[in-house]
Structures are given as structure tokens and as C-alpha cells.
Amino acid sequence: MIANAQHQFSAAERDTIYANIALRRDIRHFAPDGKVDDEQLQRMLNAAHQAPSVGLMQPWRFMRIRNRQRRQQIQALVEAERQRTADALDARAAEFLRLKVEGIGECAELLLVSLAPDDGTVFGRRSMPREMALCSAACAVQNLWLAARAENLGLGWVSMFEPEALAELLSLPVGSLPLGLLCLGPVASFYERPMLEQLGWRDARPLADMLMDEPSLELS
């Protein structure tokens, strides 16, 4: 007898979850004049908040950015970092500048995800306090990403900004760390493959390249 049978997924439900994971995309192109219902947004944020976190610290914080002028100010910070990134890419600078790297001006909703100031949680993170907080926040974003895809909405994570400048612009509490600008909204179509792969910027590597064998035990 299977314990907690009421929580078992059917084969169709299991396949839907795997399909959702496979079809998730980092979106840069959004449908004009798109809208996200408040109920939809609440469902997705609830999904994000159900993410695992080390020591149940829940270090993620989300800010809904509605003011259009503030969006423009944020977009200026992103553009400045885009130019700095191009300078650092040397030979690929021109190719990079042709890529669309954000949808801040077009997306229906713009969210900031940030790391809260350290609350002193030790359980599970004594040796890696900041790293485990970052991992926990990333889990929340992944939940939000998959929830958005289940809602047939696109989401793109923008990381091109100077954290201190963005924290100052948004008056974040001292000790906070902005992690990403999340562009969310309806799309005309989803990319068939990850955009950077589709455009020839970089090829995704197979799972086999990521698997390692454990070292052999030396016989005494």
C-alpha cells in the first residue's frame, strides 16, 4: 500500500510537470499591451513562496514595480550595464549588442527579487551563509518561472545592473541584495529552444557532460 496515496500524481500529471520544465524559457519578447490578472499574479507568488529554503529562512523578497518612470530609470541602469558587458566581450561585442537582453519596457509586470538582510539563520548554512541564502532565493524564482509557464505567461530574469545602484533607486533595506529584475507577461509565442541557443550565441551542453564519477577509494 502506498502511503499518502491522495498525494500521488497520475502518469498524465507527471508528464505535464516534465513538459512544463522542458518548455520553460527565459523570455525577452513580450506581447504589446499584455495584462496579468491579480489572481494570476497571486497564484504565481504563492508558488514562489512555497520554495524550499535552507533552515526555513525564506530569504526572498519580491517588489512589484508599477511606476512607468521608475521602469525607465531601471532600464537606464540595465542599459549602462549592457554597454559595460559589451566592452568586456571584446570580439563578440557587436554580436552581443544585437541581442535583446531584457523586456522591461514591454512586459506586463516587472518584479524585483532581492535577498533580505541576513536574519542570523545558522541551521544548514553555518559554513556557507550567503551561498545558501542565494540558493534558496533561486529556488523561489524557479518556482515562479514554472508557475508562469503553467499560466502560459513568459518570464525573463534580467541580471544586468549594478546591485548597489538598483538598491538605492528602490530604497531597499540596508543589507539587501538585488538579484534580478523579473519581466513577466503574455507572449506572442514561446521560443522553440533557449533564445541564446536559437540565435547561435551558445550551445546548450548535454546532461552527460555534467555527470561526474565519484573518485575511487584507495586501498590501504
Protein backbone atom coordinates (compact mmCIF):
# COMPACT_ATOMS: atom_id res chain seq x y z
CA MET A 1 0.00 0.00 0.00
CA ILE A 2 1.31 3.44 -0.96
CA ALA A 3 1.44 5.92 1.90
CA ASN A 4 -0.34 9.24 1.34
CA ALA A 5 -1.96 7.93 -1.83
CA GLN A 6 -4.02 11.12 -2.05
CA HIS A 7 -0.80 12.99 -2.89
CA GLN A 8 0.32 10.68 -5.72
CA PHE A 9 0.44 12.11 -9.24
CA SER A 10 -1.11 10.28 -12.14
CA ALA A 11 1.04 9.48 -15.16
CA ALA A 12 -0.61 12.34 -17.08
CA GLU A 13 0.04 14.80 -14.25
CA ARG A 14 3.66 13.64 -14.02
CA ASP A 15 4.13 14.13 -17.76
CA THR A 16 2.65 17.64 -17.53
CA ILE A 17 5.18 18.61 -14.89
CA TYR A 18 8.08 17.36 -17.02
CA ALA A 19 6.66 19.12 -20.08
CA ASN A 20 6.41 22.37 -18.10
CA ILE A 21 10.07 22.08 -17.09
CA ALA A 22 11.16 21.30 -20.66
CA LEU A 23 9.15 24.17 -22.15
CA ARG A 24 10.23 26.87 -19.67
CA ARG A 25 12.09 29.67 -21.42
CA ASP A 26 13.95 32.83 -20.40
CA ILE A 27 11.76 35.34 -22.24
CA ARG A 28 12.83 38.67 -23.70
CA HIS A 29 9.96 39.37 -26.12
CA PHE A 30 6.50 40.18 -24.78
CA ALA A 31 3.13 40.80 -26.38
CA PRO A 32 2.26 44.52 -26.53
CA ASP A 33 -0.37 45.78 -24.09
CA GLY A 34 -0.33 42.46 -22.21
CA LYS A 35 -2.03 42.08 -18.84
CA VAL A 36 -1.58 39.75 -15.88
CA ASP A 37 -4.63 39.28 -13.67
CA ASP A 38 -4.11 39.99 -9.98
CA GLU A 39 -5.35 36.47 -9.18
CA GLN A 40 -2.78 35.02 -11.59
CA LEU A 41 0.00 37.06 -10.04
CA GLN A 42 -1.03 35.99 -6.56
CA ARG A 43 -1.02 32.31 -7.58
CA MET A 44 2.47 32.64 -9.00
CA LEU A 45 3.83 34.50 -5.99
CA ASN A 46 2.29 31.86 -3.72
CA ALA A 47 4.13 29.22 -5.76
CA ALA A 48 7.38 31.15 -5.36
CA HIS A 49 6.83 31.41 -1.63
CA GLN A 50 6.41 27.62 -1.37
CA ALA A 51 10.02 27.12 -2.47
CA PRO A 52 12.41 25.21 -0.24
CA SER A 53 14.83 27.27 1.80
CA VAL A 54 17.78 26.32 3.96
CA GLY A 55 16.80 26.44 7.64
CA LEU A 56 13.36 27.72 6.54
CA MET A 57 14.96 31.16 6.30
CA GLN A 58 12.84 32.27 3.29
CA PRO A 59 15.31 34.99 2.27
CA TRP A 60 13.46 36.07 -0.89
CA ARG A 61 11.71 39.40 -1.18
CA PHE A 62 9.58 40.49 -4.15
CA MET A 63 8.70 44.04 -5.16
CA ARG A 64 6.05 44.83 -7.78
CA ILE A 65 7.24 47.82 -9.81
CA ARG A 66 4.29 49.66 -11.34
CA ASN A 67 5.52 53.22 -11.87
CA ARG A 68 6.44 53.78 -15.52
CA GLN A 69 9.02 56.46 -14.73
CA ARG A 70 10.76 54.10 -12.33
CA ARG A 71 10.79 51.44 -15.03
CA GLN A 72 12.58 53.89 -17.29
CA GLN A 73 15.13 54.61 -14.57
CA ILE A 74 15.71 50.89 -14.09
CA GLN A 75 16.02 50.41 -17.84
CA ALA A 76 18.75 53.06 -17.88
CA LEU A 77 20.71 51.10 -15.26
CA VAL A 78 20.33 47.94 -17.32
CA GLU A 79 21.44 49.69 -20.50
CA ALA A 80 24.56 51.03 -18.78
CA GLU A 81 25.49 47.51 -17.67
CA ARG A 82 24.71 46.17 -21.16
CA GLN A 83 27.31 48.56 -22.59
CA ARG A 84 29.87 47.54 -19.93
CA THR A 85 29.21 43.88 -20.72
CA ALA A 86 29.75 44.55 -24.42
CA ASP A 87 33.08 46.22 -23.63
CA ALA A 88 34.14 43.14 -21.67
CA LEU A 89 33.25 40.79 -24.53
CA ASP A 90 35.86 42.25 -26.91
CA ALA A 91 35.48 40.42 -30.24
CA ARG A 92 31.87 39.45 -29.61
CA ALA A 93 30.77 42.94 -28.52
CA ALA A 94 28.89 43.83 -31.71
CA GLU A 95 27.22 40.42 -31.81
CA PHE A 96 26.16 40.81 -28.19
CA LEU A 97 24.71 44.29 -28.73
CA ARG A 98 22.38 42.84 -31.37
CA LEU A 99 20.82 40.54 -28.78
CA LYS A 100 17.69 41.59 -26.92
CA VAL A 101 18.61 41.17 -23.27
CA GLU A 102 15.51 42.47 -21.47
CA GLY A 103 11.83 43.25 -21.86
CA ILE A 104 11.46 45.86 -19.14
CA GLY A 105 9.66 48.35 -21.35
CA GLU A 106 7.20 45.85 -22.83
CA CYS A 107 6.38 43.28 -20.14
CA ALA A 108 3.03 43.43 -18.37
CA GLU A 109 4.57 43.16 -14.90
CA LEU A 110 8.03 43.93 -13.57
CA LEU A 111 9.12 42.33 -10.30
CA LEU A 112 12.30 42.74 -8.34
CA VAL A 113 13.61 39.72 -6.47
CA SER A 114 16.11 40.54 -3.76
CA LEU A 115 17.88 38.84 -0.89
CA ALA A 116 16.74 40.08 2.51
CA PRO A 117 19.30 41.19 5.10
CA ASP A 118 20.83 38.25 6.96
CA ASP A 119 18.45 37.14 9.72
CA GLY A 120 21.08 35.10 11.54
CA THR A 121 19.86 31.65 10.49
CA VAL A 122 22.61 29.12 11.21
CA PHE A 123 20.81 25.81 10.59
CA GLY A 124 22.21 24.36 7.34
CA ARG A 125 24.25 27.40 6.40
CA ARG A 126 26.92 27.87 9.06
CA SER A 127 29.76 27.22 6.60
CA MET A 128 28.10 28.92 3.57
CA PRO A 129 25.74 31.61 4.88
CA ARG A 130 25.43 33.79 1.76
CA GLU A 131 25.61 30.88 -0.70
CA MET A 132 22.70 29.03 0.92
CA ALA A 133 20.61 32.20 1.02
CA LEU A 134 21.26 32.71 -2.70
CA CYS A 135 20.36 29.10 -3.48
CA SER A 136 17.13 29.44 -1.52
CA ALA A 137 16.12 32.62 -3.36
CA ALA A 138 16.94 30.98 -6.70
CA CYS A 139 14.55 28.15 -5.82
CA ALA A 140 11.79 30.72 -5.30
CA VAL A 141 12.46 32.25 -8.72
CA GLN A 142 12.42 28.82 -10.35
CA ASN A 143 9.04 28.12 -8.76
CA LEU A 144 7.76 31.44 -10.07
CA TRP A 145 9.17 30.67 -13.52
CA LEU A 146 7.45 27.29 -13.73
CA ALA A 147 4.21 28.73 -12.37
CA ALA A 148 4.32 31.45 -15.04
CA ARG A 149 4.81 28.83 -17.75
CA ALA A 150 1.85 26.86 -16.35
CA GLU A 151 -0.18 30.09 -16.67
CA ASN A 152 1.02 30.37 -20.31
CA LEU A 153 2.94 33.53 -19.42
CA GLY A 154 6.55 34.34 -20.17
CA LEU A 155 9.16 35.31 -17.60
CA GLY A 156 12.66 36.64 -18.12
CA TRP A 157 15.35 37.09 -15.46
CA VAL A 158 17.43 40.24 -16.03
CA SER A 159 20.69 40.44 -14.09
CA MET A 160 22.42 43.28 -15.92
CA PHE A 161 22.63 46.04 -13.33
CA GLU A 162 24.87 47.30 -10.57
CA PRO A 163 23.29 45.96 -7.37
CA GLU A 164 24.14 48.99 -5.24
CA ALA A 165 22.67 51.41 -7.76
CA LEU A 166 19.43 49.42 -8.05
CA ALA A 167 19.16 49.02 -4.28
CA GLU A 168 19.49 52.79 -3.88
CA LEU A 169 16.95 53.52 -6.60
CA LEU A 170 14.39 51.23 -4.96
CA SER A 171 15.26 52.22 -1.36
CA LEU A 172 15.92 48.64 -0.28
CA PRO A 173 16.76 47.98 3.38
CA VAL A 174 20.45 48.06 4.32
CA GLY A 175 21.94 44.63 3.78
CA SER A 176 19.58 43.69 0.95
CA LEU A 177 20.95 42.39 -2.34
CA PRO A 178 19.02 42.78 -5.61
CA LEU A 179 19.26 39.52 -7.54
CA GLY A 180 17.08 40.01 -10.58
CA LEU A 181 14.51 42.01 -12.44
CA LEU A 182 11.76 39.60 -13.48
CA CYS A 183 9.88 40.57 -16.63
CA LEU A 184 6.50 38.82 -16.70
CA GLY A 185 3.60 38.81 -19.11
CA PRO A 186 1.85 37.34 -22.13
CA VAL A 187 3.94 36.48 -25.18
CA ALA A 188 3.09 36.14 -28.86
CA SER A 189 4.98 32.84 -28.89
CA PHE A 190 7.49 30.93 -26.80
CA TYR A 191 10.96 30.22 -28.15
CA GLU A 192 11.28 26.71 -29.55
CA ARG A 193 14.68 26.44 -27.86
CA PRO A 194 16.51 28.66 -25.35
CA MET A 195 16.93 32.03 -27.07
CA LEU A 196 20.74 32.14 -26.84
CA GLU A 197 20.94 28.71 -28.42
CA GLN A 198 18.35 29.59 -31.04
CA LEU A 199 20.33 32.68 -32.05
CA GLY A 200 23.66 30.86 -32.12
CA TRP A 201 25.20 32.65 -29.15
CA ARG A 202 25.91 29.48 -27.20
CA ASP A 203 25.00 25.80 -27.47
CA ALA A 204 23.44 24.02 -24.54
CA ARG A 205 25.57 21.15 -23.27
CA PRO A 206 24.15 17.65 -22.78
CA LEU A 207 23.46 16.18 -19.38
CA ALA A 208 26.22 13.63 -19.87
CA ASP A 209 28.80 16.44 -19.72
CA MET A 210 27.56 17.40 -16.27
CA LEU A 211 27.77 13.99 -14.62
CA MET A 212 30.85 13.06 -12.63
CA ASP A 213 32.05 9.73 -11.28
CA GLU A 214 32.98 9.53 -7.64
CA PRO A 215 36.71 9.06 -7.00
CA SER A 216 37.96 5.55 -6.35
CA LEU A 217 38.75 4.61 -2.79
CA GLU A 218 42.44 3.95 -2.35
CA LEU A 219 43.18 0.60 -0.83
CA SER A 220 45.29 0.78 2.31
